[in-house]
Amino acid sequence: MIYASYDYISKYSDTLAEIIALAKLDKYSFEYIEKTLSSSKMIDEFEYSDVTLIAFTSSSRLYRSLFADAKASINDIALFDSSYWIGETYIRIFLKYKLTFEAIFTYLPLEEMERQYALYHEMDEGQFDEYFESLLKENILSKIMSKKSITSVLLAKKTDISLSTIRSLKEGKRDIRKISADKLEKIATALNIKLRTLLYPITLDIANN
């Protein structure tokens, strides 16, 4: 296993940025790009600190493996495309806050990142972090349910978990990390998300040398 050494961060952010830029050029929707990336083997391995695929495979090859109708070329990407700031920011958030990309895209969708680029790309990272931390005040379960338009009543029915429990978890009155494993699994399955997306922060194994 190759661990996510900070020496490689530039490589990871550029790869993510270029895949996003290529997908935009090929007119894929932001939602489809997010869904494809968050469920990809590349991101799955990265979240487990195994960066073999992303470290040793070109952006073009990874892009073609993810998007079946890929047409755009690396040479088509503008030098100062906003995707480079977006890719760098997503990787930095992942490492700092230890959220899955599924969670990151929930809090900060690509469309929103495009809007924030003009405001934040020349500012100090700390100013963007303040903005992101304001988003984190809403817990991940609430954000995902809102994004997927799933009510507390519906989730309770899908999981056979009491409505009061679902509501307390959604409102942040109860820590979702402290409920039983079988209930966590039921919620993740019902929402069609990775189980670890609900467990904030996820565990990362990062080498500093």
N, C-alpha and C. Protein backbone atom coordinates (compact mmCIF):
# COMPACT_ATOMS: atom_id res chain seq x y z
N MET A 1 0.84 -1.20 0.00
CA MET A 1 0.00 0.00 0.00
C MET A 1 0.88 1.25 0.00
N ILE A 2 0.50 2.23 -0.79
CA ILE A 2 1.18 3.53 -0.79
C ILE A 2 0.32 4.49 0.00
N TYR A 3 0.87 5.10 1.00
CA TYR A 3 0.08 6.00 1.83
C TYR A 3 0.07 7.41 1.25
N ALA A 4 -0.90 8.17 1.68
CA ALA A 4 -1.11 9.51 1.13
C ALA A 4 -0.12 10.50 1.71
N SER A 5 1.14 10.40 1.30
CA SER A 5 2.17 11.33 1.74
C SER A 5 1.86 12.72 1.19
N TYR A 6 2.17 13.75 1.98
CA TYR A 6 1.92 15.11 1.54
C TYR A 6 2.71 15.47 0.29
N ASP A 7 3.77 14.73 0.01
CA ASP A 7 4.55 14.97 -1.21
C ASP A 7 3.71 14.72 -2.46
N TYR A 8 2.65 13.95 -2.34
CA TYR A 8 1.84 13.58 -3.49
C TYR A 8 0.58 14.46 -3.65
N ILE A 9 0.33 15.36 -2.71
CA ILE A 9 -0.94 16.08 -2.71
C ILE A 9 -1.16 16.85 -3.99
N SER A 10 -0.12 17.46 -4.52
CA SER A 10 -0.24 18.20 -5.79
C SER A 10 -0.71 17.28 -6.91
N LYS A 11 -0.16 16.07 -6.94
CA LYS A 11 -0.54 15.09 -7.96
C LYS A 11 -2.01 14.72 -7.83
N TYR A 12 -2.47 14.49 -6.58
CA TYR A 12 -3.86 14.09 -6.38
C TYR A 12 -4.82 15.21 -6.77
N SER A 13 -4.50 16.44 -6.35
CA SER A 13 -5.41 17.54 -6.64
C SER A 13 -5.47 17.82 -8.14
N ASP A 14 -4.31 17.73 -8.83
CA ASP A 14 -4.30 17.95 -10.28
C ASP A 14 -5.11 16.87 -10.99
N THR A 15 -4.97 15.62 -10.54
CA THR A 15 -5.71 14.53 -11.17
C THR A 15 -7.22 14.74 -11.01
N LEU A 16 -7.65 15.04 -9.79
CA LEU A 16 -9.07 15.28 -9.54
C LEU A 16 -9.55 16.48 -10.36
N ALA A 17 -8.75 17.54 -10.38
CA ALA A 17 -9.12 18.75 -11.13
C ALA A 17 -9.28 18.47 -12.61
N GLU A 18 -8.35 17.72 -13.17
CA GLU A 18 -8.39 17.45 -14.61
C GLU A 18 -9.55 16.55 -14.99
N ILE A 19 -9.88 15.60 -14.13
CA ILE A 19 -11.04 14.75 -14.40
C ILE A 19 -12.33 15.59 -14.37
N ILE A 20 -12.43 16.47 -13.39
CA ILE A 20 -13.60 17.36 -13.31
C ILE A 20 -13.66 18.28 -14.54
N ALA A 21 -12.51 18.85 -14.91
CA ALA A 21 -12.47 19.76 -16.06
C ALA A 21 -12.87 19.04 -17.36
N LEU A 22 -12.37 17.83 -17.54
CA LEU A 22 -12.70 17.06 -18.74
C LEU A 22 -14.18 16.72 -18.78
N ALA A 23 -14.71 16.33 -17.63
CA ALA A 23 -16.14 15.99 -17.56
C ALA A 23 -17.01 17.21 -17.87
N LYS A 24 -16.59 18.39 -17.42
CA LYS A 24 -17.32 19.61 -17.73
C LYS A 24 -17.27 19.90 -19.24
N LEU A 25 -16.10 19.70 -19.83
CA LEU A 25 -15.96 19.93 -21.27
C LEU A 25 -16.85 18.98 -22.07
N ASP A 26 -17.03 17.77 -21.56
CA ASP A 26 -17.88 16.79 -22.23
C ASP A 26 -19.35 16.94 -21.85
N LYS A 27 -19.66 18.02 -21.12
CA LYS A 27 -21.05 18.40 -20.81
C LYS A 27 -21.78 17.43 -19.89
N TYR A 28 -21.04 16.70 -19.06
CA TYR A 28 -21.72 15.88 -18.05
C TYR A 28 -22.28 16.82 -16.98
N SER A 29 -23.39 16.47 -16.39
CA SER A 29 -23.98 17.31 -15.36
C SER A 29 -23.12 17.24 -14.10
N PHE A 30 -23.16 18.30 -13.30
CA PHE A 30 -22.40 18.32 -12.05
C PHE A 30 -22.80 17.15 -11.16
N GLU A 31 -24.09 16.89 -11.10
CA GLU A 31 -24.58 15.79 -10.25
C GLU A 31 -24.02 14.45 -10.71
N TYR A 32 -23.96 14.24 -12.02
CA TYR A 32 -23.43 12.98 -12.54
C TYR A 32 -21.92 12.87 -12.26
N ILE A 33 -21.20 13.97 -12.38
CA ILE A 33 -19.77 13.97 -12.09
C ILE A 33 -19.53 13.60 -10.63
N GLU A 34 -20.29 14.22 -9.73
CA GLU A 34 -20.16 13.92 -8.30
C GLU A 34 -20.45 12.46 -8.01
N LYS A 35 -21.54 11.96 -8.55
CA LYS A 35 -21.94 10.58 -8.30
C LYS A 35 -20.90 9.60 -8.84
N THR A 36 -20.40 9.87 -10.04
CA THR A 36 -19.41 8.99 -10.66
C THR A 36 -18.11 8.98 -9.87
N LEU A 37 -17.65 10.14 -9.46
CA LEU A 37 -16.40 10.22 -8.71
C LEU A 37 -16.53 9.58 -7.33
N SER A 38 -17.58 9.92 -6.59
CA SER A 38 -17.69 9.44 -5.21
C SER A 38 -17.84 7.93 -5.12
N SER A 39 -18.35 7.31 -6.20
CA SER A 39 -18.53 5.85 -6.18
C SER A 39 -17.42 5.12 -6.94
N SER A 40 -16.41 5.85 -7.40
CA SER A 40 -15.35 5.26 -8.22
C SER A 40 -14.32 4.50 -7.38
N LYS A 41 -13.63 3.58 -8.01
CA LYS A 41 -12.56 2.83 -7.35
C LYS A 41 -11.44 3.78 -6.94
N MET A 42 -11.18 4.78 -7.77
CA MET A 42 -10.13 5.75 -7.50
C MET A 42 -10.37 6.44 -6.15
N ILE A 43 -11.57 6.95 -5.95
CA ILE A 43 -11.90 7.65 -4.70
C ILE A 43 -12.04 6.67 -3.55
N ASP A 44 -12.60 5.49 -3.83
CA ASP A 44 -12.76 4.49 -2.79
C ASP A 44 -11.40 4.13 -2.19
N GLU A 45 -10.41 3.90 -3.04
CA GLU A 45 -9.07 3.57 -2.57
C GLU A 45 -8.44 4.76 -1.85
N PHE A 46 -8.64 5.95 -2.38
CA PHE A 46 -8.06 7.14 -1.78
C PHE A 46 -8.57 7.35 -0.36
N GLU A 47 -9.85 7.07 -0.14
CA GLU A 47 -10.44 7.24 1.19
C GLU A 47 -9.87 6.24 2.20
N TYR A 48 -9.30 5.15 1.68
CA TYR A 48 -8.67 4.16 2.55
C TYR A 48 -7.15 4.32 2.57
N SER A 49 -6.67 5.48 2.12
CA SER A 49 -5.24 5.81 2.11
C SER A 49 -4.43 4.96 1.15
N ASP A 50 -5.07 4.27 0.24
CA ASP A 50 -4.37 3.50 -0.79
C ASP A 50 -4.44 4.33 -2.07
N VAL A 51 -3.31 4.92 -2.46
CA VAL A 51 -3.34 5.86 -3.59
C VAL A 51 -2.62 5.31 -4.82
N THR A 52 -2.47 3.99 -4.89
CA THR A 52 -1.76 3.38 -6.00
C THR A 52 -2.35 3.79 -7.35
N LEU A 53 -3.66 3.69 -7.47
CA LEU A 53 -4.30 3.98 -8.74
C LEU A 53 -4.14 5.43 -9.16
N ILE A 54 -4.41 6.33 -8.25
CA ILE A 54 -4.37 7.75 -8.58
C ILE A 54 -2.94 8.26 -8.75
N ALA A 55 -1.98 7.60 -8.09
CA ALA A 55 -0.59 8.05 -8.17
C ALA A 55 0.10 7.61 -9.45
N PHE A 56 -0.32 6.47 -9.99
CA PHE A 56 0.40 5.90 -11.13
C PHE A 56 -0.42 5.77 -12.41
N THR A 57 -1.56 6.42 -12.46
CA THR A 57 -2.38 6.39 -13.66
C THR A 57 -2.64 7.82 -14.11
N SER A 58 -2.50 8.09 -15.40
CA SER A 58 -2.69 9.45 -15.89
C SER A 58 -4.13 9.90 -15.74
N SER A 59 -4.31 11.21 -15.67
CA SER A 59 -5.66 11.78 -15.55
C SER A 59 -6.52 11.36 -16.73
N SER A 60 -5.94 11.37 -17.93
CA SER A 60 -6.70 11.00 -19.14
C SER A 60 -7.20 9.57 -19.06
N ARG A 61 -6.34 8.68 -18.64
CA ARG A 61 -6.72 7.26 -18.57
C ARG A 61 -7.79 7.05 -17.50
N LEU A 62 -7.63 7.70 -16.35
CA LEU A 62 -8.63 7.57 -15.30
C LEU A 62 -9.97 8.14 -15.77
N TYR A 63 -9.90 9.26 -16.47
CA TYR A 63 -11.14 9.88 -16.96
C TYR A 63 -11.87 8.95 -17.91
N ARG A 64 -11.14 8.37 -18.84
CA ARG A 64 -11.77 7.45 -19.81
C ARG A 64 -12.34 6.21 -19.13
N SER A 65 -11.73 5.80 -18.03
CA SER A 65 -12.24 4.61 -17.32
C SER A 65 -13.52 4.93 -16.54
N LEU A 66 -13.72 6.20 -16.21
CA LEU A 66 -14.88 6.61 -15.43
C LEU A 66 -16.06 7.05 -16.27
N PHE A 67 -15.77 7.68 -17.41
CA PHE A 67 -16.82 8.25 -18.24
C PHE A 67 -16.78 7.58 -19.62
N ALA A 68 -17.76 6.73 -19.87
CA ALA A 68 -17.76 5.87 -21.05
C ALA A 68 -17.70 6.64 -22.38
N ASP A 69 -18.35 7.79 -22.44
CA ASP A 69 -18.40 8.56 -23.69
C ASP A 69 -17.38 9.69 -23.72
N ALA A 70 -16.28 9.51 -23.01
CA ALA A 70 -15.26 10.56 -22.92
C ALA A 70 -14.73 10.97 -24.28
N LYS A 71 -14.65 12.27 -24.52
CA LYS A 71 -14.13 12.79 -25.78
C LYS A 71 -13.06 13.85 -25.55
N ALA A 72 -13.21 14.65 -24.50
CA ALA A 72 -12.31 15.77 -24.25
C ALA A 72 -10.88 15.29 -23.96
N SER A 73 -9.93 16.15 -24.30
CA SER A 73 -8.52 15.85 -24.10
C SER A 73 -7.91 16.82 -23.09
N ILE A 74 -6.84 16.38 -22.44
CA ILE A 74 -6.13 17.23 -21.49
C ILE A 74 -5.74 18.55 -22.15
N ASN A 75 -5.39 18.51 -23.41
CA ASN A 75 -4.98 19.72 -24.13
C ASN A 75 -6.11 20.72 -24.29
N ASP A 76 -7.33 20.27 -24.07
CA ASP A 76 -8.49 21.16 -24.20
C ASP A 76 -8.73 21.99 -22.94
N ILE A 77 -8.10 21.62 -21.84
CA ILE A 77 -8.34 22.31 -20.57
C ILE A 77 -7.60 23.64 -20.54
N ALA A 78 -8.30 24.71 -20.20
CA ALA A 78 -7.68 26.03 -20.09
C ALA A 78 -6.68 26.04 -18.94
N LEU A 79 -5.61 26.79 -19.10
CA LEU A 79 -4.54 26.83 -18.11
C LEU A 79 -5.04 27.24 -16.73
N PHE A 80 -5.95 28.21 -16.70
CA PHE A 80 -6.46 28.71 -15.42
C PHE A 80 -7.90 28.28 -15.18
N ASP A 81 -8.22 27.07 -15.60
CA ASP A 81 -9.56 26.53 -15.38
C ASP A 81 -9.87 26.49 -13.87
N SER A 82 -11.08 26.86 -13.50
CA SER A 82 -11.48 26.87 -12.09
C SER A 82 -11.36 25.50 -11.44
N SER A 83 -11.37 24.46 -12.25
CA SER A 83 -11.29 23.09 -11.72
C SER A 83 -10.01 22.84 -10.94
N TYR A 84 -8.93 23.55 -11.27
CA TYR A 84 -7.68 23.34 -10.54
C TYR A 84 -7.80 23.82 -9.10
N TRP A 85 -8.45 24.95 -8.90
CA TRP A 85 -8.70 25.41 -7.53
C TRP A 85 -9.69 24.48 -6.83
N ILE A 86 -10.70 24.03 -7.55
CA ILE A 86 -11.71 23.14 -6.99
C ILE A 86 -11.08 21.81 -6.55
N GLY A 87 -10.26 21.23 -7.42
CA GLY A 87 -9.60 19.97 -7.09
C GLY A 87 -8.70 20.10 -5.88
N GLU A 88 -7.91 21.17 -5.84
CA GLU A 88 -7.01 21.40 -4.71
C GLU A 88 -7.80 21.59 -3.42
N THR A 89 -8.90 22.33 -3.51
CA THR A 89 -9.70 22.60 -2.32
C THR A 89 -10.39 21.34 -1.82
N TYR A 90 -10.93 20.53 -2.72
CA TYR A 90 -11.56 19.28 -2.30
C TYR A 90 -10.56 18.35 -1.60
N ILE A 91 -9.36 18.22 -2.15
CA ILE A 91 -8.35 17.36 -1.54
C ILE A 91 -7.95 17.89 -0.17
N ARG A 92 -7.79 19.21 -0.06
CA ARG A 92 -7.41 19.81 1.21
C ARG A 92 -8.50 19.59 2.27
N ILE A 93 -9.75 19.76 1.87
CA ILE A 93 -10.87 19.53 2.79
C ILE A 93 -10.90 18.08 3.23
N PHE A 94 -10.69 17.18 2.28
CA PHE A 94 -10.69 15.75 2.61
C PHE A 94 -9.65 15.44 3.68
N LEU A 95 -8.44 15.96 3.51
CA LEU A 95 -7.36 15.68 4.44
C LEU A 95 -7.56 16.38 5.78
N LYS A 96 -8.10 17.59 5.76
CA LYS A 96 -8.26 18.35 7.00
C LYS A 96 -9.45 17.90 7.84
N TYR A 97 -10.58 17.67 7.16
CA TYR A 97 -11.80 17.38 7.90
C TYR A 97 -12.18 15.90 7.93
N LYS A 98 -11.48 15.10 7.12
CA LYS A 98 -11.67 13.64 7.14
C LYS A 98 -13.11 13.22 6.87
N LEU A 99 -13.67 13.83 5.84
CA LEU A 99 -14.99 13.45 5.34
C LEU A 99 -14.81 12.62 4.08
N THR A 100 -15.72 11.72 3.81
CA THR A 100 -15.68 11.04 2.52
C THR A 100 -16.02 12.05 1.42
N PHE A 101 -15.66 11.73 0.19
CA PHE A 101 -16.01 12.63 -0.91
C PHE A 101 -17.52 12.69 -1.11
N GLU A 102 -18.19 11.63 -0.77
CA GLU A 102 -19.65 11.62 -0.84
C GLU A 102 -20.21 12.70 0.09
N ALA A 103 -19.62 12.81 1.28
CA ALA A 103 -20.05 13.84 2.23
C ALA A 103 -19.61 15.23 1.76
N ILE A 104 -18.40 15.32 1.25
CA ILE A 104 -17.90 16.62 0.77
C ILE A 104 -18.77 17.16 -0.34
N PHE A 105 -19.13 16.29 -1.29
CA PHE A 105 -20.00 16.73 -2.40
C PHE A 105 -21.39 17.10 -1.90
N THR A 106 -21.80 16.50 -0.79
CA THR A 106 -23.10 16.85 -0.21
C THR A 106 -23.07 18.26 0.38
N TYR A 107 -22.01 18.55 1.12
CA TYR A 107 -21.87 19.89 1.71
C TYR A 107 -21.48 20.93 0.67
N LEU A 108 -20.61 20.53 -0.26
CA LEU A 108 -20.08 21.47 -1.25
C LEU A 108 -20.20 20.89 -2.66
N PRO A 109 -21.39 20.92 -3.24
CA PRO A 109 -21.56 20.40 -4.59
C PRO A 109 -20.70 21.17 -5.60
N LEU A 110 -20.38 20.55 -6.69
CA LEU A 110 -19.56 21.18 -7.73
C LEU A 110 -20.15 22.51 -8.20
N GLU A 111 -21.44 22.54 -8.36
CA GLU A 111 -22.08 23.76 -8.83
C GLU A 111 -21.83 24.91 -7.85
N GLU A 112 -21.89 24.60 -6.56
CA GLU A 112 -21.63 25.61 -5.54
C GLU A 112 -20.16 26.03 -5.54
N MET A 113 -19.27 25.06 -5.73
CA MET A 113 -17.84 25.38 -5.79
C MET A 113 -17.53 26.31 -6.96
N GLU A 114 -18.20 26.11 -8.07
CA GLU A 114 -18.01 27.00 -9.22
C GLU A 114 -18.42 28.43 -8.85
N ARG A 115 -19.50 28.55 -8.09
CA ARG A 115 -19.95 29.88 -7.67
C ARG A 115 -18.97 30.52 -6.69
N GLN A 116 -18.40 29.70 -5.80
CA GLN A 116 -17.51 30.23 -4.78
C GLN A 116 -16.11 30.53 -5.31
N TYR A 117 -15.78 30.01 -6.46
CA TYR A 117 -14.43 30.20 -7.04
C TYR A 117 -14.07 31.68 -7.15
N ALA A 118 -14.96 32.47 -7.72
CA ALA A 118 -14.67 33.90 -7.93
C ALA A 118 -14.40 34.62 -6.61
N LEU A 119 -15.10 34.20 -5.57
CA LEU A 119 -14.98 34.86 -4.27
C LEU A 119 -13.74 34.43 -3.51
N TYR A 120 -13.43 33.12 -3.55
CA TYR A 120 -12.43 32.58 -2.63
C TYR A 120 -11.08 32.18 -3.25
N HIS A 121 -10.97 32.05 -4.56
CA HIS A 121 -9.76 31.41 -5.09
C HIS A 121 -8.47 32.22 -4.86
N GLU A 122 -8.60 33.52 -4.63
CA GLU A 122 -7.41 34.32 -4.36
C GLU A 122 -7.27 34.66 -2.87
N MET A 123 -8.18 34.16 -2.06
CA MET A 123 -8.13 34.44 -0.62
C MET A 123 -7.30 33.40 0.12
N ASP A 124 -7.00 33.71 1.36
CA ASP A 124 -6.31 32.77 2.24
C ASP A 124 -7.19 31.55 2.49
N GLU A 125 -6.57 30.37 2.59
CA GLU A 125 -7.32 29.13 2.80
C GLU A 125 -8.21 29.20 4.05
N GLY A 126 -7.74 29.90 5.07
CA GLY A 126 -8.49 29.98 6.32
C GLY A 126 -9.85 30.63 6.15
N GLN A 127 -9.96 31.56 5.21
CA GLN A 127 -11.25 32.21 4.98
C GLN A 127 -12.25 31.24 4.36
N PHE A 128 -11.76 30.39 3.45
CA PHE A 128 -12.65 29.39 2.89
C PHE A 128 -13.02 28.35 3.94
N ASP A 129 -12.07 28.01 4.80
CA ASP A 129 -12.35 27.03 5.86
C ASP A 129 -13.45 27.53 6.78
N GLU A 130 -13.46 28.82 7.07
CA GLU A 130 -14.52 29.39 7.90
C GLU A 130 -15.88 29.19 7.24
N TYR A 131 -15.90 29.42 5.93
CA TYR A 131 -17.15 29.22 5.17
C TYR A 131 -17.56 27.75 5.23
N PHE A 132 -16.60 26.84 5.01
CA PHE A 132 -16.93 25.42 5.02
C PHE A 132 -17.40 24.97 6.39
N GLU A 133 -16.75 25.45 7.43
CA GLU A 133 -17.13 25.06 8.79
C GLU A 133 -18.53 25.56 9.14
N SER A 134 -18.96 26.64 8.52
CA SER A 134 -20.34 27.10 8.74
C SER A 134 -21.33 26.12 8.14
N LEU A 135 -20.93 25.45 7.06
CA LEU A 135 -21.79 24.44 6.43
C LEU A 135 -21.88 23.19 7.28
N LEU A 136 -20.79 22.87 7.98
CA LEU A 136 -20.74 21.66 8.80
C LEU A 136 -21.64 21.72 10.03
N LYS A 137 -22.21 22.88 10.30
CA LYS A 137 -23.10 23.01 11.46
C LYS A 137 -24.35 22.15 11.28
N GLU A 138 -24.71 21.88 10.02
CA GLU A 138 -25.82 20.96 9.76
C GLU A 138 -25.23 19.56 9.63
N ASN A 139 -25.74 18.60 10.37
CA ASN A 139 -25.13 17.28 10.33
C ASN A 139 -25.36 16.57 9.00
N ILE A 140 -24.51 15.60 8.75
CA ILE A 140 -24.48 14.95 7.44
C ILE A 140 -25.78 14.22 7.11
N LEU A 141 -26.42 13.61 8.11
CA LEU A 141 -27.66 12.90 7.85
C LEU A 141 -28.73 13.88 7.35
N SER A 142 -28.84 15.01 8.01
CA SER A 142 -29.80 16.03 7.60
C SER A 142 -29.53 16.51 6.18
N LYS A 143 -28.25 16.74 5.87
CA LYS A 143 -27.88 17.23 4.53
C LYS A 143 -28.23 16.20 3.45
N ILE A 144 -27.93 14.94 3.72
CA ILE A 144 -28.18 13.90 2.72
C ILE A 144 -29.68 13.70 2.52
N MET A 145 -30.43 13.68 3.61
CA MET A 145 -31.88 13.53 3.49
C MET A 145 -32.49 14.67 2.69
N SER A 146 -32.00 15.87 2.93
CA SER A 146 -32.49 17.03 2.19
C SER A 146 -32.14 16.91 0.70
N LYS A 147 -30.91 16.52 0.42
CA LYS A 147 -30.45 16.39 -0.97
C LYS A 147 -31.26 15.33 -1.72
N LYS A 148 -31.60 14.24 -1.03
CA LYS A 148 -32.32 13.16 -1.67
C LYS A 148 -33.84 13.28 -1.51
N SER A 149 -34.27 14.36 -0.88
CA SER A 149 -35.71 14.62 -0.66
C SER A 149 -36.39 13.46 0.07
N ILE A 150 -35.72 12.96 1.11
CA ILE A 150 -36.27 11.88 1.93
C ILE A 150 -36.67 12.44 3.30
N THR A 151 -37.92 12.30 3.66
CA THR A 151 -38.41 12.81 4.93
C THR A 151 -38.06 11.86 6.07
N SER A 152 -38.19 12.35 7.28
CA SER A 152 -37.95 11.51 8.46
C SER A 152 -38.93 10.34 8.50
N VAL A 153 -40.17 10.61 8.12
CA VAL A 153 -41.21 9.57 8.12
C VAL A 153 -40.84 8.46 7.14
N LEU A 154 -40.41 8.86 5.94
CA LEU A 154 -40.06 7.87 4.92
C LEU A 154 -38.84 7.06 5.34
N LEU A 155 -37.83 7.73 5.89
CA LEU A 155 -36.63 7.01 6.31
C LEU A 155 -36.94 6.05 7.44
N ALA A 156 -37.82 6.44 8.34
CA ALA A 156 -38.23 5.55 9.44
C ALA A 156 -38.89 4.30 8.88
N LYS A 157 -39.74 4.47 7.87
CA LYS A 157 -40.42 3.32 7.25
C LYS A 157 -39.43 2.42 6.53
N LYS A 158 -38.47 3.02 5.82
CA LYS A 158 -37.50 2.25 5.05
C LYS A 158 -36.55 1.45 5.94
N THR A 159 -36.27 1.97 7.12
CA THR A 159 -35.29 1.34 8.00
C THR A 159 -35.89 0.56 9.16
N ASP A 160 -37.19 0.74 9.39
CA ASP A 160 -37.85 0.15 10.55
C ASP A 160 -37.21 0.64 11.85
N ILE A 161 -36.77 1.90 11.82
CA ILE A 161 -36.24 2.57 13.01
C ILE A 161 -37.29 3.59 13.44
N SER A 162 -37.47 3.76 14.73
CA SER A 162 -38.52 4.64 15.20
C SER A 162 -38.36 6.06 14.67
N LEU A 163 -39.48 6.70 14.43
CA LEU A 163 -39.49 8.07 13.92
C LEU A 163 -38.78 9.01 14.88
N SER A 164 -38.96 8.80 16.16
CA SER A 164 -38.32 9.67 17.15
C SER A 164 -36.79 9.57 17.07
N THR A 165 -36.29 8.35 16.83
CA THR A 165 -34.84 8.16 16.70
C THR A 165 -34.32 8.86 15.45
N ILE A 166 -35.02 8.67 14.34
CA ILE A 166 -34.61 9.32 13.09
C ILE A 166 -34.59 10.83 13.25
N ARG A 167 -35.62 11.37 13.84
CA ARG A 167 -35.69 12.82 14.03
C ARG A 167 -34.58 13.34 14.93
N SER A 168 -34.29 12.60 16.00
CA SER A 168 -33.23 13.05 16.93
C SER A 168 -31.86 13.00 16.25
N LEU A 169 -31.66 12.01 15.38
CA LEU A 169 -30.41 11.91 14.62
C LEU A 169 -30.31 13.04 13.60
N LYS A 170 -31.40 13.29 12.90
CA LYS A 170 -31.43 14.34 11.88
C LYS A 170 -31.21 15.72 12.49
N GLU A 171 -31.77 15.95 13.65
CA GLU A 171 -31.67 17.25 14.31
C GLU A 171 -30.37 17.41 15.11
N GLY A 172 -29.56 16.36 15.14
CA GLY A 172 -28.29 16.42 15.85
C GLY A 172 -28.41 16.30 17.35
N LYS A 173 -29.56 15.89 17.83
CA LYS A 173 -29.75 15.72 19.27
C LYS A 173 -29.12 14.41 19.75
N ARG A 174 -28.88 13.53 18.81
CA ARG A 174 -28.27 12.23 19.12
C ARG A 174 -27.14 11.98 18.13
N ASP A 175 -26.00 11.53 18.62
CA ASP A 175 -24.82 11.29 17.78
C ASP A 175 -25.00 10.01 16.98
N ILE A 176 -25.01 10.15 15.65
CA ILE A 176 -25.25 8.99 14.80
C ILE A 176 -24.15 7.94 14.94
N ARG A 177 -22.95 8.38 15.36
CA ARG A 177 -21.84 7.44 15.51
C ARG A 177 -22.01 6.52 16.71
N LYS A 178 -22.98 6.83 17.57
CA LYS A 178 -23.18 6.06 18.79
C LYS A 178 -24.37 5.11 18.74
N ILE A 179 -25.05 5.06 17.58
CA ILE A 179 -26.15 4.11 17.46
C ILE A 179 -25.59 2.75 17.03
N SER A 180 -26.39 1.73 17.12
CA SER A 180 -25.92 0.38 16.82
C SER A 180 -25.52 0.23 15.35
N ALA A 181 -24.61 -0.72 15.11
CA ALA A 181 -24.10 -0.95 13.76
C ALA A 181 -25.21 -1.35 12.79
N ASP A 182 -26.17 -2.14 13.26
CA ASP A 182 -27.23 -2.58 12.35
C ASP A 182 -28.13 -1.42 11.94
N LYS A 183 -28.35 -0.47 12.86
CA LYS A 183 -29.15 0.71 12.50
C LYS A 183 -28.40 1.60 11.52
N LEU A 184 -27.11 1.75 11.75
CA LEU A 184 -26.27 2.53 10.82
C LEU A 184 -26.34 1.94 9.42
N GLU A 185 -26.22 0.62 9.36
CA GLU A 185 -26.25 -0.09 8.07
C GLU A 185 -27.60 0.11 7.38
N LYS A 186 -28.67 0.03 8.13
CA LYS A 186 -30.00 0.23 7.56
C LYS A 186 -30.17 1.63 6.99
N ILE A 187 -29.67 2.63 7.72
CA ILE A 187 -29.78 4.02 7.25
C ILE A 187 -28.96 4.23 5.99
N ALA A 188 -27.72 3.72 5.99
CA ALA A 188 -26.86 3.86 4.81
C ALA A 188 -27.47 3.18 3.60
N THR A 189 -28.03 2.00 3.79
CA THR A 189 -28.66 1.25 2.70
C THR A 189 -29.88 2.00 2.16
N ALA A 190 -30.70 2.50 3.07
CA ALA A 190 -31.91 3.21 2.66
C ALA A 190 -31.58 4.48 1.89
N LEU A 191 -30.47 5.13 2.25
CA LEU A 191 -30.07 6.37 1.58
C LEU A 191 -29.16 6.13 0.38
N ASN A 192 -28.76 4.86 0.20
CA ASN A 192 -27.87 4.48 -0.90
C ASN A 192 -26.55 5.26 -0.84
N ILE A 193 -25.94 5.24 0.34
CA ILE A 193 -24.65 5.90 0.56
C ILE A 193 -23.69 4.93 1.23
N LYS A 194 -22.40 5.30 1.24
CA LYS A 194 -21.40 4.50 1.95
C LYS A 194 -21.63 4.64 3.45
N LEU A 195 -21.46 3.55 4.17
CA LEU A 195 -21.64 3.58 5.62
C LEU A 195 -20.68 4.59 6.25
N ARG A 196 -19.44 4.62 5.76
CA ARG A 196 -18.44 5.51 6.38
C ARG A 196 -18.76 6.98 6.17
N THR A 197 -19.63 7.31 5.23
CA THR A 197 -20.01 8.71 5.03
C THR A 197 -20.72 9.25 6.27
N LEU A 198 -21.39 8.39 7.01
CA LEU A 198 -22.10 8.81 8.22
C LEU A 198 -21.18 8.91 9.43
N LEU A 199 -19.98 8.36 9.31
CA LEU A 199 -19.05 8.31 10.44
C LEU A 199 -18.00 9.40 10.31
N TYR A 200 -18.27 10.56 10.87
CA TYR A 200 -17.39 11.70 10.77
C TYR A 200 -16.60 11.86 12.06
N PRO A 201 -15.26 11.93 12.02
CA PRO A 201 -14.43 11.86 10.82
C PRO A 201 -14.05 10.42 10.47
N ILE A 202 -13.74 10.19 9.21
CA ILE A 202 -13.26 8.87 8.81
C ILE A 202 -11.78 8.76 9.17
N THR A 203 -11.26 7.54 9.22
CA THR A 203 -9.86 7.32 9.58
C THR A 203 -8.98 7.40 8.35
N LEU A 204 -7.94 8.24 8.43
CA LEU A 204 -6.97 8.34 7.35
C LEU A 204 -5.60 7.94 7.87
N ASP A 205 -4.80 7.30 7.03
CA ASP A 205 -3.45 6.91 7.40
C ASP A 205 -2.50 7.70 6.52
N ILE A 206 -2.02 8.82 7.04
CA ILE A 206 -1.24 9.74 6.22
C ILE A 206 0.19 9.79 6.70
N ALA A 207 1.12 9.52 5.78
CA ALA A 207 2.52 9.59 6.11
C ALA A 207 3.04 11.00 5.91
N ASN A 208 3.89 11.47 6.78
CA ASN A 208 4.40 12.83 6.68
C ASN A 208 5.81 12.88 6.12
N ASN A 209 6.31 11.74 5.64
CA ASN A 209 7.66 11.75 5.09
C ASN A 209 7.64 11.21 3.67
